[in-house]
Protein backbone atom coordinates (compact mmCIF):
# COMPACT_ATOMS: atom_id res chain seq x y z
CA MET A 1 -7.91 16.89 7.65
CA ASP A 2 -7.44 15.63 4.03
CA THR A 3 -8.27 18.20 1.46
CA THR A 4 -10.48 16.87 -2.06
CA ARG A 5 -7.67 16.94 -4.15
CA GLN A 6 -5.50 14.62 -1.59
CA GLN A 7 -8.14 12.06 -1.17
CA LYS A 8 -8.49 12.04 -5.06
CA ILE A 9 -4.87 11.55 -5.29
CA SER A 10 -5.19 8.96 -2.52
CA ARG A 11 -7.65 7.02 -4.25
CA LEU A 12 -5.89 7.04 -7.45
CA ILE A 13 -2.22 6.04 -6.32
CA GLN A 14 -4.49 3.12 -4.50
CA LYS A 15 -6.20 1.86 -7.27
CA GLU A 16 -2.96 1.65 -9.42
CA LEU A 17 -0.78 0.35 -6.43
CA SER A 18 -3.49 -2.59 -6.06
CA ASP A 19 -3.00 -3.46 -9.78
CA ILE A 20 0.66 -3.37 -9.73
CA PHE A 21 0.96 -5.46 -6.38
CA GLN A 22 -1.91 -8.15 -7.71
CA LYS A 23 0.27 -8.46 -10.66
CA GLN A 24 3.54 -8.80 -9.18
CA THR A 25 2.02 -11.61 -6.24
CA ALA A 26 0.46 -13.66 -9.22
CA SER A 27 3.52 -15.74 -9.61
CA LEU A 28 3.82 -16.21 -5.80
CA HIS A 29 1.27 -18.69 -4.78
CA GLY A 30 -0.62 -18.43 -1.31
CA VAL A 31 0.67 -14.75 -1.08
CA LEU A 32 -1.79 -12.07 -1.15
CA VAL A 33 -1.13 -8.16 -0.52
CA SER A 34 -3.48 -5.54 -0.68
CA VAL A 35 -3.41 -1.59 -0.25
CA SER A 36 -5.79 -0.88 2.93
CA ALA A 37 -5.22 2.62 2.67
CA VAL A 38 -3.17 5.64 1.10
CA ARG A 39 -2.00 8.96 2.98
CA ILE A 40 -0.72 11.82 1.13
CA SER A 41 1.07 14.56 2.30
CA PRO A 42 -0.58 18.14 2.08
CA ASP A 43 2.31 19.25 -0.53
CA LEU A 44 1.90 15.95 -2.29
CA SER A 45 5.52 14.77 -2.03
CA VAL A 46 5.45 12.21 0.14
CA CYS A 47 2.56 8.94 -0.10
CA ARG A 48 2.44 6.45 2.92
CA GLY A 49 0.74 3.09 2.12
CA TYR A 50 -0.63 0.91 4.24
CA LEU A 51 -0.44 -3.08 3.27
CA SER A 52 -2.63 -5.72 4.37
CA ILE A 53 -0.30 -8.95 3.76
CA PHE A 54 -1.45 -12.77 4.14
CA PRO A 55 0.09 -14.27 5.16
CA SER A 56 0.78 -12.37 8.15
CA GLU A 57 3.79 -14.86 9.11
CA ARG A 58 5.89 -13.50 6.18
CA SER A 59 4.87 -10.03 6.29
CA ALA A 60 8.14 -8.43 7.62
CA GLU A 61 9.68 -10.47 4.86
CA ILE A 62 7.44 -9.16 2.23
CA LEU A 63 7.55 -5.74 3.57
CA GLU A 64 11.13 -5.45 3.21
CA ASN A 65 11.28 -6.76 -0.17
CA ILE A 66 8.81 -4.01 -1.07
CA ASN A 67 10.83 -1.20 0.49
CA GLY A 68 13.59 -2.54 -0.96
CA ASN A 69 12.14 -2.19 -4.49
CA VAL A 70 10.47 1.15 -3.91
CA ARG A 71 12.30 2.64 -6.72
CA GLU A 72 11.07 0.25 -9.33
CA LEU A 73 7.45 0.39 -8.06
CA ARG A 74 7.52 4.33 -8.40
CA TYR A 75 8.81 4.04 -11.89
CA GLU A 76 6.02 1.68 -12.50
CA LEU A 77 3.62 4.23 -10.88
CA GLY A 78 4.95 7.32 -12.46
CA ARG A 79 4.25 5.14 -16.17
CA ARG A 80 0.99 4.50 -15.01
CA LEU A 81 0.01 8.03 -13.66
CA ARG A 82 2.36 10.58 -16.15
CA TYR A 83 -1.14 12.16 -17.69
CA GLN A 84 -2.72 12.78 -14.15
CA LEU A 85 0.06 13.55 -11.68
CA ARG A 86 3.01 16.20 -12.60
CA ILE A 87 5.41 15.08 -9.88
CA ILE A 88 4.86 11.32 -8.72
CA PRO A 89 5.59 10.99 -4.75
CA GLU A 90 8.12 9.53 -2.78
CA LEU A 91 6.86 6.21 -1.41
CA LYS A 92 7.08 4.69 2.25
CA PHE A 93 5.09 1.38 3.09
CA PHE A 94 3.92 0.25 6.43
CA ILE A 95 2.31 -3.04 7.47
CA ASP A 96 -1.60 -2.40 8.52
CA ASP A 97 -2.05 -4.75 10.81
CA SER A 98 -5.60 -4.01 11.79
CA LEU A 99 -7.10 -7.18 10.79
CA ASP A 100 -4.87 -9.01 13.48
CA TYR A 101 -5.82 -6.33 15.60
CA ILE A 102 -9.49 -7.41 15.34
CA ASP A 103 -8.88 -11.03 15.35
CA HIS A 104 -7.17 -10.75 18.63
CA ILE A 105 -9.80 -8.32 20.44
CA ASP A 106 -12.48 -11.23 18.83
CA GLU A 107 -10.42 -13.97 20.86
CA LEU A 108 -10.21 -11.62 23.78
CA LEU A 109 -13.99 -11.27 24.03
CA LYS A 110 -15.04 -15.19 23.54
CA LYS A 111 -13.04 -15.91 26.88
């Protein structure tokens, strides 16, 4: 169960990451990256971000690119949140495939 502090920091990081990804993917036409959830560890040192990537065919490639540039993302996040957080957590990103799973379930139910 997340504490109130963890929830507030998760929402703050989710908002800032969404803004960062929106600005970075503006140059890529037809690519949309949204941050569906952010979970932060109880000691606030590790942040797991779950990304929903469209088109889903390129999601592995885009996630690999994001994980390769995690140092720059953490720096940018630190620059934006330097007055709210003392220590910027380590970032780890994963694919949130819940929308694909919902589509698959809908297909099965239609049969």
